[in-house]
């Protein structure tokens, strides 16, 4: 199913937190770092029709507390406002 965000919104797949350290020690859920990082799946446009400076496949860091969790084909995705995107990772 293809989802196209409307307006200045970005659909992302959240990166799962590390479940064990490099040395093999498992980290309990309560101690896992909740870093807001994800891969862009789709994005909308600015009000004037110009494309957002992120595109599908980009890895981003985002902040903010307003996000909408969506389940599509059994996969949980997150829809965020573009203003909450902090950085694009290269």
N, C-alpha and C. Protein backbone atom coordinates (compact mmCIF):
# COMPACT_ATOMS: atom_id res chain seq x y z
N UNK A 1 0.85 -1.17 0.00
CA UNK A 1 0.00 0.00 0.00
C UNK A 1 0.90 1.24 0.00
N UNK A 2 0.61 2.19 -0.87
CA UNK A 2 1.39 3.42 -0.94
C UNK A 2 0.71 4.52 -0.13
N UNK A 3 1.47 5.15 0.74
CA UNK A 3 0.97 6.25 1.56
C UNK A 3 1.72 7.51 1.15
N UNK A 4 1.00 8.57 0.86
CA UNK A 4 1.61 9.86 0.52
C UNK A 4 1.15 10.88 1.56
N UNK A 5 2.07 11.35 2.41
CA UNK A 5 1.70 12.36 3.40
C UNK A 5 1.24 13.65 2.73
N UNK A 6 0.26 14.30 3.33
CA UNK A 6 -0.26 15.56 2.80
C UNK A 6 0.29 16.70 3.65
N UNK A 7 0.74 17.75 2.99
CA UNK A 7 1.29 18.90 3.71
C UNK A 7 2.72 18.63 4.14
N UNK A 8 3.16 19.36 5.15
CA UNK A 8 4.54 19.26 5.63
C UNK A 8 4.68 18.14 6.66
N UNK A 9 4.47 16.91 6.20
CA UNK A 9 4.56 15.74 7.08
C UNK A 9 5.53 14.73 6.49
N UNK A 10 6.10 13.91 7.37
CA UNK A 10 7.07 12.90 6.95
C UNK A 10 6.67 11.57 7.59
N UNK A 11 6.62 10.51 6.79
CA UNK A 11 6.33 9.16 7.28
C UNK A 11 7.66 8.45 7.47
N UNK A 12 7.90 7.93 8.68
CA UNK A 12 9.18 7.28 8.96
C UNK A 12 8.99 5.91 9.58
N UNK A 13 10.04 5.10 9.45
CA UNK A 13 10.14 3.81 10.14
C UNK A 13 11.16 4.03 11.24
N UNK A 14 10.72 3.91 12.50
CA UNK A 14 11.60 4.14 13.62
C UNK A 14 12.69 3.08 13.69
N UNK A 15 13.89 3.52 14.07
CA UNK A 15 14.99 2.57 14.28
C UNK A 15 14.77 1.90 15.62
N UNK A 16 14.92 0.61 15.64
CA UNK A 16 14.74 -0.14 16.89
C UNK A 16 15.95 0.09 17.79
N UNK A 17 15.72 0.24 19.10
CA UNK A 17 16.85 0.43 20.02
C UNK A 17 17.69 -0.84 20.11
N UNK A 18 18.96 -0.66 20.41
CA UNK A 18 19.88 -1.79 20.56
C UNK A 18 19.41 -2.68 21.70
N UNK A 19 19.31 -3.99 21.45
CA UNK A 19 18.87 -4.93 22.47
C UNK A 19 20.03 -5.56 23.22
N UNK A 20 21.23 -5.48 22.63
CA UNK A 20 22.41 -5.98 23.34
C UNK A 20 23.62 -5.15 22.94
N UNK A 21 24.61 -5.12 23.83
CA UNK A 21 25.82 -4.35 23.59
C UNK A 21 26.72 -5.09 22.61
N UNK A 22 27.78 -4.41 22.17
CA UNK A 22 28.72 -5.02 21.24
C UNK A 22 29.40 -6.24 21.86
N UNK A 23 29.52 -6.25 23.19
CA UNK A 23 30.16 -7.38 23.87
C UNK A 23 29.18 -8.53 24.13
N UNK A 24 27.88 -8.36 23.80
CA UNK A 24 26.92 -9.44 23.90
C UNK A 24 26.02 -9.40 25.12
N UNK A 25 26.07 -8.33 25.91
CA UNK A 25 25.23 -8.23 27.09
C UNK A 25 23.87 -7.68 26.68
N UNK A 26 22.78 -8.36 27.08
CA UNK A 26 21.43 -7.91 26.75
C UNK A 26 21.02 -6.73 27.63
N UNK A 27 20.37 -5.75 27.01
CA UNK A 27 19.93 -4.55 27.71
C UNK A 27 18.43 -4.66 27.95
N UNK A 28 17.98 -4.52 29.22
CA UNK A 28 16.53 -4.58 29.47
C UNK A 28 15.81 -3.37 28.86
N UNK A 29 14.51 -3.52 28.57
CA UNK A 29 13.73 -2.44 27.96
C UNK A 29 13.82 -1.14 28.75
N UNK A 30 13.81 -1.22 30.05
CA UNK A 30 13.82 -0.01 30.88
C UNK A 30 15.13 0.76 30.77
N UNK A 31 16.21 0.12 30.33
CA UNK A 31 17.51 0.77 30.24
C UNK A 31 17.90 1.13 28.81
N UNK A 32 17.08 0.75 27.84
CA UNK A 32 17.42 1.03 26.44
C UNK A 32 17.28 2.52 26.15
N UNK A 33 18.22 3.01 25.36
CA UNK A 33 18.21 4.42 24.98
C UNK A 33 17.10 4.66 23.96
N UNK A 34 16.23 5.61 24.24
CA UNK A 34 15.10 5.90 23.35
C UNK A 34 15.47 7.05 22.41
N UNK A 35 16.34 6.76 21.45
CA UNK A 35 16.80 7.76 20.50
C UNK A 35 15.77 7.90 19.39
N UNK A 36 15.41 9.11 19.07
CA UNK A 36 14.41 9.34 18.03
C UNK A 36 15.12 9.44 16.69
N UNK A 37 15.23 8.29 16.06
CA UNK A 37 15.92 8.15 14.79
C UNK A 37 15.10 7.24 13.90
N UNK A 38 15.10 7.53 12.59
CA UNK A 38 14.34 6.68 11.70
C UNK A 38 14.68 6.89 10.24
N UNK A 39 14.12 6.04 9.40
CA UNK A 39 14.31 6.11 7.96
C UNK A 39 13.04 6.68 7.33
N UNK A 40 13.22 7.62 6.41
CA UNK A 40 12.08 8.25 5.74
C UNK A 40 11.49 7.27 4.74
N UNK A 41 10.18 7.07 4.82
CA UNK A 41 9.45 6.22 3.88
C UNK A 41 8.83 7.07 2.77
N UNK A 42 8.19 8.18 3.18
CA UNK A 42 7.55 9.09 2.22
C UNK A 42 7.45 10.47 2.86
N UNK A 43 7.34 11.49 2.04
CA UNK A 43 7.17 12.84 2.59
C UNK A 43 6.28 13.68 1.69
N UNK A 44 5.67 14.66 2.30
CA UNK A 44 4.76 15.56 1.59
C UNK A 44 5.53 16.72 0.96
N UNK A 45 4.87 17.86 0.83
CA UNK A 45 5.48 19.04 0.23
C UNK A 45 5.17 20.27 1.08
N UNK A 46 5.91 21.36 0.81
CA UNK A 46 5.61 22.63 1.45
C UNK A 46 4.29 23.15 0.90
N UNK A 47 3.74 24.18 1.54
CA UNK A 47 2.45 24.74 1.11
C UNK A 47 2.49 25.26 -0.32
N UNK A 48 3.67 25.75 -0.75
CA UNK A 48 3.78 26.29 -2.11
C UNK A 48 4.07 25.21 -3.16
N UNK A 49 4.11 23.93 -2.74
CA UNK A 49 4.31 22.83 -3.67
C UNK A 49 5.75 22.36 -3.81
N UNK A 50 6.70 23.08 -3.21
CA UNK A 50 8.10 22.67 -3.29
C UNK A 50 8.33 21.43 -2.44
N UNK A 51 9.32 20.62 -2.84
CA UNK A 51 9.62 19.39 -2.11
C UNK A 51 10.36 19.71 -0.81
N UNK A 52 10.15 18.85 0.19
CA UNK A 52 10.87 18.97 1.45
C UNK A 52 12.32 18.57 1.22
N UNK A 53 13.25 19.05 2.05
CA UNK A 53 14.67 18.72 1.84
C UNK A 53 15.06 17.30 2.28
N UNK A 54 14.10 16.46 2.57
CA UNK A 54 14.36 15.04 2.84
C UNK A 54 13.60 14.22 1.81
N UNK A 55 14.09 13.01 1.56
CA UNK A 55 13.43 12.14 0.58
C UNK A 55 13.42 10.72 1.11
N UNK A 56 12.67 9.86 0.49
CA UNK A 56 12.58 8.47 0.90
C UNK A 56 13.98 7.85 0.91
N UNK A 57 14.28 7.12 1.98
CA UNK A 57 15.58 6.48 2.10
C UNK A 57 16.54 7.23 3.01
N UNK A 58 16.28 8.51 3.29
CA UNK A 58 17.14 9.29 4.18
C UNK A 58 16.97 8.84 5.62
N UNK A 59 18.05 8.90 6.39
CA UNK A 59 17.98 8.63 7.83
C UNK A 59 17.96 9.98 8.54
N UNK A 60 17.01 10.17 9.46
CA UNK A 60 16.85 11.44 10.14
C UNK A 60 16.81 11.28 11.66
N UNK A 61 17.11 12.37 12.34
CA UNK A 61 16.87 12.49 13.78
C UNK A 61 15.69 13.44 13.92
N UNK A 62 14.80 13.16 14.85
CA UNK A 62 13.64 14.02 15.03
C UNK A 62 13.35 14.21 16.50
N UNK A 63 12.66 15.27 16.81
CA UNK A 63 12.29 15.57 18.19
C UNK A 63 10.80 15.78 18.27
N UNK A 64 10.38 16.45 19.32
CA UNK A 64 8.96 16.76 19.48
C UNK A 64 8.19 15.62 20.11
N UNK A 65 6.99 15.95 20.49
CA UNK A 65 6.14 14.97 21.17
C UNK A 65 4.89 14.64 20.38
N UNK A 66 4.66 15.38 19.29
CA UNK A 66 3.44 15.13 18.52
C UNK A 66 3.77 14.25 17.32
N UNK A 67 3.40 13.00 17.41
CA UNK A 67 3.57 12.08 16.29
C UNK A 67 2.37 11.15 16.27
N UNK A 68 2.10 10.63 15.12
CA UNK A 68 0.96 9.74 14.94
C UNK A 68 1.48 8.36 14.54
N UNK A 69 1.22 7.35 15.35
CA UNK A 69 1.65 5.99 15.04
C UNK A 69 0.60 5.34 14.14
N UNK A 70 1.07 4.72 13.07
CA UNK A 70 0.20 4.10 12.07
C UNK A 70 0.68 2.68 11.83
N UNK A 71 -0.23 1.73 11.74
CA UNK A 71 0.14 0.36 11.41
C UNK A 71 -0.30 0.08 9.99
N UNK A 72 0.67 -0.26 9.13
CA UNK A 72 0.39 -0.56 7.73
C UNK A 72 1.00 -1.92 7.41
N UNK A 73 0.19 -2.84 6.94
CA UNK A 73 0.64 -4.19 6.61
C UNK A 73 1.40 -4.83 7.77
N UNK A 74 0.95 -4.61 8.99
CA UNK A 74 1.56 -5.21 10.16
C UNK A 74 2.82 -4.51 10.65
N UNK A 75 3.22 -3.43 10.02
CA UNK A 75 4.42 -2.70 10.40
C UNK A 75 4.02 -1.36 11.00
N UNK A 76 4.62 -1.02 12.16
CA UNK A 76 4.29 0.23 12.82
C UNK A 76 5.19 1.35 12.28
N UNK A 77 4.56 2.38 11.73
CA UNK A 77 5.26 3.55 11.18
C UNK A 77 4.82 4.78 11.97
N UNK A 78 5.56 5.86 11.81
CA UNK A 78 5.28 7.10 12.54
C UNK A 78 5.17 8.25 11.55
N UNK A 79 4.12 9.06 11.70
CA UNK A 79 3.94 10.26 10.89
C UNK A 79 4.29 11.46 11.77
N UNK A 80 5.26 12.29 11.33
CA UNK A 80 5.66 13.46 12.11
C UNK A 80 5.56 14.71 11.24
N UNK A 81 5.50 15.86 11.90
CA UNK A 81 5.53 17.14 11.20
C UNK A 81 6.97 17.40 10.77
N UNK A 82 7.17 18.03 9.62
CA UNK A 82 8.51 18.32 9.13
C UNK A 82 9.27 19.23 10.09
N UNK A 83 8.57 20.11 10.80
CA UNK A 83 9.23 21.03 11.73
C UNK A 83 9.92 20.28 12.87
N UNK A 84 9.54 19.02 13.12
CA UNK A 84 10.16 18.22 14.17
C UNK A 84 11.44 17.51 13.72
N UNK A 85 11.75 17.56 12.42
CA UNK A 85 12.98 16.94 11.92
C UNK A 85 14.16 17.82 12.35
N UNK A 86 15.10 17.21 13.07
CA UNK A 86 16.25 17.96 13.60
C UNK A 86 17.42 17.91 12.64
N UNK A 87 17.72 16.72 12.10
CA UNK A 87 18.90 16.58 11.25
C UNK A 87 18.74 15.40 10.30
N UNK A 88 19.49 15.49 9.21
CA UNK A 88 19.56 14.40 8.25
C UNK A 88 20.94 13.77 8.42
N UNK A 89 20.99 12.46 8.61
CA UNK A 89 22.26 11.77 8.85
C UNK A 89 22.81 11.24 7.53
N UNK A 90 24.09 11.47 7.32
CA UNK A 90 24.72 11.00 6.08
C UNK A 90 25.83 10.03 6.37
